[in-house]
Amino acid sequence: MTPGRPALSPLYRLQYEPAQQAWVLLYPEGMVRLNASAAEILGRCDGRSGVEEIVATLERDFAPADLRDDVVRFLGDAHERGWIA
């Protein structure tokens, strides 16, 4: 399941961590190190943009690419993990 307008869960904070040289999701018990693709997708989960808009902006920024299936799959996984609501 993927929410219609995904937003980062209030339990998590997305930030670049210089010590890790990567984007991470921080939460009270620790952190999750993200790859560049995951960070790009989560960075667009602002609660205002719908899934199709997120896909469209990613495809525009990283053209030419058909990213819809990968983005939707990732958003579903992120939702199951509680990263997005």
Protein backbone atom coordinates (compact mmCIF):
# COMPACT_ATOMS: atom_id res chain seq x y z
CA MET A 1 0.00 0.00 0.00
CA THR A 2 1.23 3.47 -0.89
CA PRO A 3 -0.37 6.61 0.52
CA GLY A 4 -1.82 9.10 -1.97
CA ARG A 5 0.27 12.04 -0.75
CA PRO A 6 3.19 10.49 1.10
CA ALA A 7 4.89 12.40 3.89
CA LEU A 8 7.82 11.48 6.06
CA SER A 9 6.65 10.05 9.37
CA PRO A 10 7.16 12.46 12.29
CA LEU A 11 9.35 9.82 13.95
CA TYR A 12 11.98 10.21 11.22
CA ARG A 13 14.17 13.04 10.00
CA LEU A 14 15.89 12.99 6.61
CA GLN A 15 19.30 14.63 6.61
CA TYR A 16 22.71 14.42 5.01
CA GLU A 17 25.23 12.94 7.43
CA PRO A 18 28.80 13.98 6.56
CA ALA A 19 30.31 11.24 8.74
CA GLN A 20 28.39 8.64 6.70
CA GLN A 21 28.86 10.56 3.44
CA ALA A 22 25.24 9.70 2.76
CA TRP A 23 21.64 10.69 3.39
CA VAL A 24 20.15 9.05 6.44
CA LEU A 25 16.83 8.71 8.19
CA LEU A 26 17.30 9.53 11.86
CA TYR A 27 14.90 8.17 14.47
CA PRO A 28 15.04 7.88 18.27
CA GLU A 29 16.62 4.40 18.28
CA GLY A 30 19.17 4.99 15.53
CA MET A 31 19.45 5.71 11.85
CA VAL A 32 18.97 4.16 8.43
CA ARG A 33 21.63 4.87 5.80
CA LEU A 34 19.98 5.52 2.43
CA ASN A 35 21.24 5.09 -1.08
CA ALA A 36 20.99 8.09 -3.42
CA SER A 37 17.77 6.88 -5.07
CA ALA A 38 15.97 6.37 -1.76
CA ALA A 39 17.03 9.83 -0.57
CA GLU A 40 15.77 11.44 -3.80
CA ILE A 41 12.38 9.77 -3.42
CA LEU A 42 11.97 10.43 0.31
CA GLY A 43 13.06 14.02 -0.17
CA ARG A 44 9.98 14.52 -2.34
CA CYS A 45 7.57 13.02 0.22
CA ASP A 46 6.30 16.34 1.52
CA GLY A 47 2.63 15.48 2.08
CA ARG A 48 1.58 17.83 -0.73
CA SER A 49 2.78 15.92 -3.77
CA GLY A 50 0.91 12.87 -4.98
CA VAL A 51 2.67 9.70 -6.06
CA GLU A 52 2.21 10.51 -9.75
CA GLU A 53 3.70 13.99 -9.23
CA ILE A 54 6.69 12.50 -7.40
CA VAL A 55 7.22 10.04 -10.26
CA ALA A 56 6.91 12.83 -12.85
CA THR A 57 9.46 15.07 -11.14
CA LEU A 58 11.92 12.20 -10.75
CA GLU A 59 11.51 11.22 -14.41
CA ARG A 60 12.00 14.86 -15.41
CA ASP A 61 15.11 15.25 -13.24
CA PHE A 62 16.64 11.90 -14.22
CA ALA A 63 15.40 11.57 -17.80
CA PRO A 64 15.23 9.52 -19.82
CA ALA A 65 13.90 6.92 -17.48
CA ASP A 66 10.71 5.01 -16.74
CA LEU A 67 10.83 5.09 -12.96
CA ARG A 68 7.20 4.62 -11.99
CA ASP A 69 7.31 0.93 -11.01
CA ASP A 70 10.52 1.35 -8.98
CA VAL A 71 9.25 4.47 -7.19
CA VAL A 72 5.88 2.92 -6.36
CA ARG A 73 7.60 -0.25 -5.08
CA PHE A 74 9.97 1.80 -2.91
CA LEU A 75 7.13 3.94 -1.54
CA GLY A 76 5.23 0.77 -0.64
CA ASP A 77 8.26 -0.61 1.19
CA ALA A 78 8.85 2.74 2.95
CA HIS A 79 5.20 2.82 4.03
CA GLU A 80 5.40 -0.73 5.42
CA ARG A 81 8.53 0.22 7.38
CA GLY A 82 6.75 3.26 8.81
CA TRP A 83 9.08 5.77 7.15
CA ILE A 84 6.19 7.52 5.38
CA ALA A 85 2.55 7.99 6.22
